Protein backbone atom coordinates (compact mmCIF):
# COMPACT_ATOMS: atom_id res chain seq x y z
CA MET A 1 -20.81 -58.71 -12.77
CA THR A 2 -23.93 -59.98 -10.99
CA GLY A 3 -24.56 -57.22 -8.79
CA SER A 4 -23.17 -58.76 -5.55
CA ALA A 5 -20.06 -58.61 -3.76
CA PRO A 6 -17.39 -61.35 -4.85
CA GLN A 7 -17.92 -64.74 -2.30
CA LEU A 8 -14.54 -64.65 -0.98
CA ALA A 9 -13.01 -64.88 2.67
CA LEU A 10 -13.03 -61.51 4.25
CA GLN A 11 -9.48 -61.18 5.35
CA HIS A 12 -8.00 -61.47 9.29
CA PRO A 13 -9.24 -58.64 11.10
CA ARG A 14 -5.93 -57.01 11.89
CA LEU A 15 -5.64 -56.66 8.10
CA ASP A 16 -9.11 -55.02 8.03
CA ARG A 17 -8.36 -52.40 10.48
CA SER A 18 -8.49 -48.58 9.82
CA PRO A 19 -5.49 -47.32 7.63
CA VAL A 20 -4.23 -45.11 10.58
CA ASP A 21 -4.31 -47.63 12.98
CA HIS A 22 -2.53 -50.00 10.53
CA LEU A 23 0.10 -47.53 10.06
CA LEU A 24 0.71 -46.92 13.41
CA HIS A 25 0.82 -50.37 14.46
CA ALA A 26 3.72 -50.95 11.54
CA ILE A 27 5.88 -47.98 12.72
CA ASN A 28 6.08 -49.64 16.13
CA GLN A 29 7.65 -52.93 14.57
CA PRO A 30 10.60 -51.12 13.27
CA LEU A 31 10.87 -48.85 16.09
CA THR A 32 10.71 -51.34 18.81
CA GLY A 33 13.72 -53.17 16.54
CA LEU A 34 15.71 -50.22 16.47
CA GLN A 35 15.54 -49.88 20.14
CA CYS A 36 16.36 -53.56 21.02
CA SER A 37 19.45 -53.26 18.85
CA LEU A 38 20.70 -49.99 20.28
CA GLU A 39 20.22 -51.47 23.40
CA ILE A 40 22.20 -54.38 23.10
CA ALA A 41 24.84 -52.37 21.62
CA VAL A 42 25.55 -50.11 24.42
CA THR A 43 25.87 -53.07 26.95
CA GLY A 44 29.12 -54.59 27.32
CA HIS A 45 32.27 -54.43 24.36
CA HIS A 46 31.46 -55.72 21.00
CA PRO A 47 34.00 -56.18 17.71
CA ALA A 48 33.88 -52.87 15.76
CA ALA A 49 32.24 -55.28 13.01
CA TYR A 50 29.28 -55.77 15.38
CA TYR A 51 28.61 -51.73 15.87
CA LEU A 52 28.76 -51.32 11.84
CA ARG A 53 26.26 -54.14 11.21
CA THR A 54 24.24 -52.42 14.13
CA LEU A 55 24.40 -49.05 12.22
CA ARG A 56 23.67 -50.16 9.10
CA GLU A 57 20.72 -52.17 10.27
CA GLY A 58 19.56 -49.03 12.28
CA LEU A 59 19.50 -46.98 9.13
CA GLU A 60 17.70 -49.70 7.44
CA LEU A 61 14.85 -49.66 10.43
CA VAL A 62 15.03 -45.54 10.32
CA SER A 63 14.30 -45.70 6.34
CA ARG A 64 11.27 -48.18 7.04
CA VAL A 65 9.71 -45.86 9.85
CA ARG A 66 10.26 -42.63 7.47
CA ILE A 67 8.34 -44.30 4.54
CA LEU A 68 5.72 -45.30 7.14
CA VAL A 69 5.59 -41.84 8.50
CA GLU A 70 5.14 -40.39 5.30
CA ALA A 71 2.27 -42.68 3.94
CA LEU A 72 0.65 -41.95 7.59
CA ARG A 73 0.95 -38.19 7.16
CA GLU A 74 -1.07 -38.51 3.48
CA ALA A 75 -3.57 -41.01 4.85
CA VAL A 76 -4.25 -38.26 7.62
CA ASP A 77 -4.30 -35.42 5.20
CA LEU A 78 -7.04 -37.32 3.26
CA ARG A 79 -9.38 -38.03 6.09
CA GLN A 80 -9.29 -34.26 6.87
CA THR A 81 -9.47 -33.30 3.29
CA GLU A 82 -12.37 -30.75 2.89
CA TRP A 83 -13.96 -29.45 -0.64
CA ARG A 84 -16.53 -27.38 -1.72
CA GLU A 85 -17.14 -27.93 -5.54
CA ASN A 86 -18.97 -31.46 -5.48
CA SER A 87 -21.22 -32.43 -8.71
CA LEU A 88 -22.57 -35.62 -9.94
CA ILE A 89 -20.20 -38.00 -11.04
CA SER A 90 -20.27 -41.18 -13.20
CA ILE A 91 -18.15 -44.24 -11.21
CA ASP A 92 -18.11 -46.15 -14.10
CA ALA A 93 -16.86 -43.69 -16.84
CA LEU A 94 -14.18 -42.33 -14.63
CA LEU A 95 -13.07 -46.35 -14.10
CA ASN A 96 -13.38 -46.81 -17.82
CA GLU A 97 -11.36 -43.52 -18.42
CA ILE A 98 -8.75 -44.51 -15.95
CA SER A 99 -8.34 -48.00 -16.91
CA GLY A 100 -7.55 -46.76 -20.21
CA ASP A 101 -4.99 -44.55 -19.14
CA LEU A 102 -3.39 -47.49 -17.23
CA GLN A 103 -3.36 -49.88 -19.71
CA PRO A 104 -0.03 -49.34 -20.90
CA VAL A 105 1.41 -50.04 -17.57
CA ALA A 106 -0.76 -53.30 -17.45
CA LEU A 107 0.88 -54.24 -20.89
CA SER A 108 4.26 -53.50 -19.90
CA LYS A 109 3.70 -56.03 -17.01
CA GLY A 110 2.16 -58.52 -18.96
CA VAL A 111 -1.30 -57.88 -16.76
CA PHE A 112 -4.61 -58.16 -18.55
CA LEU A 113 -6.59 -55.48 -17.33
CA LYS A 114 -10.29 -56.50 -17.58
CA VAL A 115 -13.29 -53.65 -16.98
CA ASN A 116 -16.79 -54.56 -16.59
CA THR A 117 -19.44 -52.10 -15.83
CA THR A 118 -23.16 -52.15 -15.84
CA GLY A 119 -24.64 -48.80 -16.47
CA GLN A 120 -24.32 -45.63 -15.19
CA LEU A 121 -23.39 -44.85 -11.69
CA LEU A 122 -23.97 -41.34 -10.41
CA VAL A 123 -22.62 -40.52 -6.91
CA PHE A 124 -22.47 -36.57 -5.47
CA SER A 125 -18.99 -36.16 -4.70
CA ASN A 126 -15.73 -34.04 -5.92
CA ARG A 127 -14.39 -35.24 -9.24
CA LEU A 128 -10.96 -34.61 -8.77
CA TYR A 129 -10.74 -36.53 -5.68
CA ILE A 130 -12.57 -39.40 -6.50
CA SER A 131 -10.71 -39.60 -10.09
CA THR A 132 -7.66 -39.59 -7.56
CA LEU A 133 -8.59 -42.50 -5.41
CA ILE A 134 -9.41 -44.68 -8.50
CA PHE A 135 -5.95 -43.92 -9.98
CA ARG A 136 -4.18 -44.89 -6.85
CA MET A 137 -5.98 -47.93 -6.20
CA ILE A 138 -5.67 -49.38 -9.83
CA ASP A 139 -2.31 -48.32 -10.09
CA SER A 140 -1.19 -49.68 -6.63
CA VAL A 141 -3.14 -53.13 -7.48
CA LEU A 142 -1.42 -53.40 -10.98
CA ALA A 143 1.89 -53.09 -9.06
CA LEU A 144 0.73 -55.81 -6.56
CA ALA A 145 -0.44 -58.10 -9.40
CA ASP A 146 1.52 -61.32 -10.34
CA PRO A 147 2.81 -60.87 -14.09
CA GLN A 148 0.77 -62.67 -16.69
CA SER A 149 -2.32 -62.56 -14.69
CA GLU A 150 -5.48 -60.87 -14.95
CA LEU A 151 -6.74 -57.64 -13.10
CA GLU A 152 -10.60 -57.21 -12.77
CA VAL A 153 -12.01 -53.67 -12.50
CA ALA A 154 -15.92 -53.68 -11.99
CA ALA A 155 -18.82 -51.39 -11.06
CA TRP A 156 -22.19 -52.23 -10.22
CA GLY A 157 -25.53 -50.94 -8.54
CA GLU A 158 -26.31 -52.56 -5.23
CA ARG A 159 -28.98 -51.39 -2.35
CA GLY A 160 -28.83 -47.80 -3.44
CA ARG A 161 -25.10 -47.93 -3.53
CA ALA A 162 -22.13 -48.14 -6.26
CA CYS A 163 -19.67 -50.42 -5.82
CA VAL A 164 -16.29 -50.74 -7.26
CA LEU A 165 -14.41 -54.27 -7.26
CA THR A 166 -10.55 -54.76 -7.83
CA SER A 167 -9.42 -58.21 -8.11
CA TRP A 168 -6.14 -59.78 -8.50
CA SER A 169 -3.81 -62.45 -8.16
CA GLU A 170 -0.80 -61.44 -5.85
CA VAL A 171 2.46 -62.48 -6.07
CA ALA A 172 4.09 -64.26 -3.39
CA SER A 173 3.92 -62.44 0.25
CA SER A 174 7.38 -62.98 0.42
CA ASN A 175 8.47 -61.15 -2.18
CA VAL A 176 6.26 -58.31 -1.14
CA SER A 177 7.55 -55.78 1.61
CA PRO A 178 5.05 -54.31 3.80
CA CYS A 179 6.59 -50.98 3.55
CA SER A 180 6.24 -51.15 -0.37
CA PRO A 181 4.68 -48.18 -2.29
CA PRO A 182 1.73 -50.14 -3.68
CA ILE A 183 0.90 -51.66 -0.28
CA LEU A 184 1.10 -48.13 1.39
CA GLY A 185 -0.79 -46.75 -1.85
CA LEU A 186 -3.53 -49.31 -1.02
CA LEU A 187 -4.05 -47.91 2.65
CA VAL A 188 -3.85 -44.59 1.62
CA SER A 189 -6.32 -44.85 -0.99
CA GLN A 190 -8.66 -46.64 1.64
CA ALA A 191 -8.23 -43.62 3.83
CA GLY A 192 -9.41 -41.35 1.15
CA TRP A 193 -12.55 -43.80 0.12
CA GLU A 194 -13.38 -43.57 3.89
CA ARG A 195 -13.19 -39.98 3.91
CA ALA A 196 -15.45 -39.79 0.70
CA GLY A 197 -18.02 -41.59 2.69
CA ALA A 198 -17.37 -44.87 1.04
CA THR A 199 -17.03 -48.18 2.87
CA TRP A 200 -13.96 -50.35 2.09
CA ARG A 201 -13.51 -54.16 2.46
CA ARG A 202 -10.67 -56.52 1.49
CA TYR A 203 -11.23 -59.96 0.47
CA SER A 204 -8.70 -62.91 0.18
CA SER A 205 -8.75 -66.23 -1.03
CA GLY A 206 -5.58 -67.63 -1.60
CA ALA A 207 -3.42 -65.51 -4.10
CA LYS A 208 -6.84 -64.34 -5.14
CA GLN A 209 -7.14 -60.58 -3.26
CA SER A 210 -9.96 -58.32 -3.66
CA CYS A 211 -11.11 -55.10 -2.48
CA VAL A 212 -14.64 -53.86 -3.09
CA VAL A 213 -15.65 -50.11 -2.39
CA CYS A 214 -19.25 -48.88 -2.16
CA MET A 215 -20.73 -45.31 -1.87
CA PRO A 216 -24.16 -44.17 -1.97
CA LEU A 217 -25.57 -43.25 -5.18
CA ALA A 218 -26.80 -40.01 -5.59
CA SER A 219 -30.38 -40.77 -5.83
CA SER A 220 -29.87 -42.69 -2.92
CA ALA A 221 -28.38 -40.16 -0.67
CA ALA A 222 -30.68 -37.30 -2.05
CA GLN A 223 -33.49 -39.42 -0.74
CA THR A 224 -31.99 -40.15 2.69
CA ALA A 225 -31.05 -36.34 3.29
CA LYS A 226 -34.54 -35.25 2.27
CA ARG A 227 -35.88 -38.11 4.66
CA LEU A 228 -33.37 -36.68 7.32
CA GLU A 229 -34.81 -32.95 6.74
CA HIS A 230 -38.44 -34.10 7.58
CA GLY A 231 -37.30 -35.81 10.83
CA GLU A 232 -37.62 -39.39 9.66
CA SER A 233 -35.41 -42.29 10.16
CA GLU A 234 -33.47 -44.22 7.85
């Protein structure tokens, strides 16, 4: 890694909205479909087979709403998470450790999991919380990655920030449900990173997908806090 973000095109703004906004929008779609099908069903008379089909489709839509609501609740809970025990965390060490734990999953799918870090990157946060976010992010991406492809996980320092990249080749979009666990897992992970004070960017170039997360390095955060204490602007 050269210390700069990947040269990819940022995805459409609708896909770059906040996780909660994205989930609220996603919930509205099956609810609208359910309302329309029920309104048609109660107008006039229809064959019994029509009502049976409407009920089955309605159950599928309700199931989709339930899955989305669970993801929304998890994203909101993460945004409201409070923790007291913060410490210096080595992001690069956590990436190597968690990637190693997920290697068997990658091998079972035929995905080559490549890890590339550039020295120690210390941030000040809650270790368990950050570990959970890293695991959720990489695990979700592994599920989205095209079999027999490469998944790159990298970390580098840039402008006082620790940046983490996950880059993968995604399977055909027609085969991935917007309500699938890995898609929702990435949204929940995004909410968690943002709660931890990180920025999240999603990039796309054809089948190539990337997520870049950046949060202040411990030294940079301490210097900023010290300047603010003395009334200096950033």
